Amino acid sequence: MSVITKKTVKDYIELPEGPPYYQLIEGELIMSPAPSYSHQRTVGRVFLKLSRLLEEKELGEVLISPIDVYLDEKNVFQPDIVVLLKEGKAKIEEKGIFGPPDVVVEILSPSTAYYDLIVKKEVYERAEVKEYWLLDPNRKTFEIYKNTEEGFKLTSQAREKGKVSSELLKLEIDLKEIFGGGM
């Protein structure tokens, strides 16, 4: 019988820099393949939208993966996009972000969907991320969850067309801006 030893932040920090990129998820080192074209196109479009908003209103900063987000001793994630508001709890250091970002955006891929939809969602909820955005470029869905006293509650969703809105950022996003038109 083999025993799987859980990893900690200390083990994670000892990994070499650069590819392949790992995440520490509930004490397990998880490596993902490079994202697809539709994944990266979606990341870029959401990032640009958020970047313009945060810069224009001087609300904070938006960062794109790969960047380490240290949530606790067993969890270091590399979300696709993170939003750090000026009054937020997260601390930025050269090594990464320590504490919960205000908004985490994950773009679903076949290789990461289980973690994004279940495991990481639970950790983000525990860590008190204020909003969790899940986008699926294949199904063209966009969901926004708000962290409440009862945990994450779905507050806005759309599929293929329509708009979603973020209460926290006071922002409305039309799905055409995110999923519309390819090359």
Protein backbone atom coordinates (compact mmCIF):
# COMPACT_ATOMS: atom_id res chain seq x y z
CA MET A 1 0.00 0.00 0.00
CA SER A 2 1.36 3.42 -0.93
CA VAL A 3 0.78 6.43 1.26
CA ILE A 4 0.23 9.79 -0.39
CA THR A 5 1.85 12.55 1.60
CA LYS A 6 -0.02 15.83 1.56
CA LYS A 7 2.01 18.86 0.55
CA THR A 8 2.10 22.27 2.21
CA VAL A 9 2.99 25.82 1.20
CA LYS A 10 6.59 25.05 2.26
CA ASP A 11 6.76 22.22 -0.31
CA TYR A 12 5.11 24.40 -2.94
CA ILE A 13 7.61 27.24 -2.47
CA GLU A 14 10.46 24.80 -3.10
CA LEU A 15 9.21 24.02 -6.64
CA PRO A 16 11.32 25.51 -9.45
CA GLU A 17 10.00 28.65 -11.17
CA GLY A 18 8.43 28.50 -14.61
CA PRO A 19 6.61 25.77 -16.52
CA PRO A 20 5.18 23.33 -15.81
CA TYR A 21 2.84 25.28 -13.57
CA TYR A 22 1.34 23.62 -10.52
CA GLN A 23 -1.34 24.51 -8.03
CA LEU A 24 -1.53 23.23 -4.47
CA ILE A 25 -5.13 22.09 -4.07
CA GLU A 26 -6.10 20.67 -0.68
CA GLY A 27 -2.53 19.48 -0.16
CA GLU A 28 -2.06 17.89 -3.61
CA LEU A 29 0.20 19.24 -6.35
CA ILE A 30 -1.91 19.50 -9.51
CA MET A 31 -0.46 20.28 -12.95
CA SER A 32 -2.66 21.40 -15.83
CA PRO A 33 -1.92 21.38 -19.56
CA ALA A 34 -1.70 24.68 -21.44
CA PRO A 35 -5.12 26.29 -21.93
CA SER A 36 -7.00 26.22 -25.25
CA TYR A 37 -7.47 29.09 -27.68
CA SER A 38 -11.08 29.76 -26.57
CA HIS A 39 -9.98 29.72 -22.92
CA GLN A 40 -7.23 32.27 -23.52
CA ARG A 41 -9.43 34.46 -25.72
CA THR A 42 -12.05 34.54 -22.95
CA VAL A 43 -9.40 35.34 -20.31
CA GLY A 44 -8.13 38.22 -22.45
CA ARG A 45 -11.56 39.72 -23.03
CA VAL A 46 -12.56 39.58 -19.34
CA PHE A 47 -9.17 40.95 -18.29
CA LEU A 48 -9.45 43.93 -20.65
CA LYS A 49 -12.98 44.72 -19.44
CA LEU A 50 -11.93 44.57 -15.79
CA SER A 51 -8.66 46.41 -16.35
CA ARG A 52 -10.43 49.36 -18.01
CA LEU A 53 -13.03 49.56 -15.23
CA LEU A 54 -10.57 49.37 -12.34
CA GLU A 55 -8.20 51.89 -13.92
CA GLU A 56 -10.99 54.33 -14.84
CA LYS A 57 -12.58 54.25 -11.39
CA GLU A 58 -9.28 53.78 -9.49
CA LEU A 59 -10.77 50.84 -7.58
CA GLY A 60 -7.76 48.55 -7.43
CA GLU A 61 -5.87 46.14 -9.62
CA VAL A 62 -6.55 43.14 -11.86
CA LEU A 63 -3.96 40.41 -12.45
CA ILE A 64 -3.85 37.53 -14.88
CA SER A 65 -2.46 34.01 -14.40
CA PRO A 66 0.05 32.69 -13.71
CA ILE A 67 0.33 34.29 -10.28
CA ASP A 68 0.27 32.40 -7.01
CA VAL A 69 -2.60 33.09 -4.61
CA TYR A 70 -1.80 31.75 -1.12
CA LEU A 71 -5.07 30.98 0.66
CA ASP A 72 -3.93 28.69 3.49
CA GLU A 73 -1.29 26.03 4.23
CA LYS A 74 -2.85 23.50 1.81
CA ASN A 75 -4.01 25.77 -1.00
CA VAL A 76 -2.02 27.88 -3.45
CA PHE A 77 -4.02 28.53 -6.61
CA GLN A 78 -3.33 30.23 -9.91
CA PRO A 79 -6.75 31.63 -10.87
CA ASP A 80 -7.17 32.86 -14.41
CA ILE A 81 -7.91 36.40 -13.20
CA VAL A 82 -7.95 38.06 -9.78
CA VAL A 83 -9.29 41.45 -8.74
CA LEU A 84 -7.73 43.19 -5.77
CA LEU A 85 -9.68 46.18 -4.52
CA LYS A 86 -7.93 48.93 -2.58
CA GLU A 87 -9.80 48.09 0.64
CA GLY A 88 -9.44 44.30 0.20
CA LYS A 89 -7.84 41.76 2.55
CA ALA A 90 -5.24 40.37 0.13
CA LYS A 91 -1.63 41.45 0.43
CA ILE A 92 0.55 41.66 -2.68
CA GLU A 93 4.14 40.52 -2.37
CA GLU A 94 6.70 39.76 -5.03
CA LYS A 95 6.11 36.04 -4.54
CA GLY A 96 2.35 36.33 -5.06
CA ILE A 97 -0.90 37.27 -3.39
CA PHE A 98 -1.46 36.34 0.25
CA GLY A 99 -5.07 36.15 1.37
CA PRO A 100 -8.33 36.20 -0.54
CA PRO A 101 -8.68 38.34 -3.66
CA ASP A 102 -11.95 40.26 -3.82
CA VAL A 103 -12.97 38.65 -7.12
CA VAL A 104 -11.68 35.41 -8.61
CA VAL A 105 -12.43 34.55 -12.25
CA GLU A 106 -12.01 30.98 -13.46
CA ILE A 107 -12.48 29.98 -17.10
CA LEU A 108 -13.55 26.34 -17.29
CA SER A 109 -11.51 23.82 -19.26
CA PRO A 110 -12.12 20.07 -19.48
CA SER A 111 -8.95 19.42 -17.43
CA THR A 112 -9.79 21.95 -14.66
CA ALA A 113 -13.61 22.00 -14.46
CA TYR A 114 -13.84 19.56 -11.52
CA TYR A 115 -11.46 21.65 -9.43
CA ASP A 116 -12.99 25.00 -10.44
CA LEU A 117 -16.60 23.91 -9.94
CA ILE A 118 -16.19 21.96 -6.71
CA VAL A 119 -12.88 21.90 -4.83
CA LYS A 120 -11.54 25.38 -5.53
CA LYS A 121 -15.01 26.90 -5.20
CA GLU A 122 -15.25 25.50 -1.66
CA VAL A 123 -11.79 26.82 -0.77
CA TYR A 124 -12.55 30.28 -2.20
CA GLU A 125 -15.75 30.32 -0.17
CA ARG A 126 -13.89 29.39 3.04
CA ALA A 127 -11.18 31.95 2.31
CA GLU A 128 -13.88 34.65 2.01
CA VAL A 129 -13.42 35.62 -1.64
CA LYS A 130 -16.25 38.14 -2.13
CA GLU A 131 -17.24 37.12 -5.69
CA TYR A 132 -16.46 34.03 -7.73
CA TRP A 133 -16.98 34.19 -11.49
CA LEU A 134 -17.20 31.01 -13.56
CA LEU A 135 -17.15 31.18 -17.34
CA ASP A 136 -17.47 28.29 -19.76
CA PRO A 137 -16.38 29.31 -23.28
CA ASN A 138 -17.64 26.03 -24.78
CA ARG A 139 -21.16 26.32 -23.38
CA LYS A 140 -21.02 30.14 -23.41
CA THR A 141 -22.13 30.45 -19.80
CA PHE A 142 -21.20 33.08 -17.25
CA GLU A 143 -22.09 32.77 -13.54
CA ILE A 144 -21.36 35.14 -10.68
CA TYR A 145 -21.47 33.92 -7.09
CA LYS A 146 -21.50 36.25 -4.10
CA ASN A 147 -20.10 35.11 -0.76
CA THR A 148 -22.80 35.48 1.90
CA GLU A 149 -23.18 34.27 5.48
CA GLU A 150 -24.63 31.05 4.00
CA GLY A 151 -21.74 30.69 1.53
CA PHE A 152 -21.65 31.32 -2.21
CA LYS A 153 -25.00 32.26 -3.71
CA LEU A 154 -25.57 32.54 -7.45
CA THR A 155 -26.49 36.19 -8.05
CA SER A 156 -26.21 36.54 -11.81
CA GLN A 157 -26.06 34.15 -14.75
CA ALA A 158 -26.50 34.07 -18.51
CA ARG A 159 -26.08 31.55 -21.30
CA GLU A 160 -25.19 32.36 -24.91
CA LYS A 161 -26.69 35.86 -24.74
CA GLY A 162 -27.76 38.38 -22.18
CA LYS A 163 -25.91 40.16 -19.42
CA VAL A 164 -24.47 39.40 -16.02
CA SER A 165 -23.80 41.91 -13.28
CA SER A 166 -21.38 42.18 -10.42
CA GLU A 167 -22.79 43.82 -7.31
CA LEU A 168 -19.32 44.29 -5.87
CA LEU A 169 -17.82 46.03 -8.91
CA LYS A 170 -21.08 47.70 -10.01
CA LEU A 171 -20.46 46.34 -13.48
CA GLU A 172 -22.65 44.82 -16.15
CA ILE A 173 -21.13 42.55 -18.82
CA ASP A 174 -22.82 41.61 -22.06
CA LEU A 175 -21.96 38.06 -23.09
CA LYS A 176 -21.46 39.26 -26.69
CA GLU A 177 -18.40 41.18 -25.42
CA ILE A 178 -16.90 38.03 -23.94
CA PHE A 179 -17.96 35.15 -26.18
CA GLY A 180 -19.00 36.91 -29.38
CA GLY A 181 -17.10 36.54 -32.63
CA GLY A 182 -14.08 34.39 -33.20
CA MET A 183 -11.35 34.65 -35.79
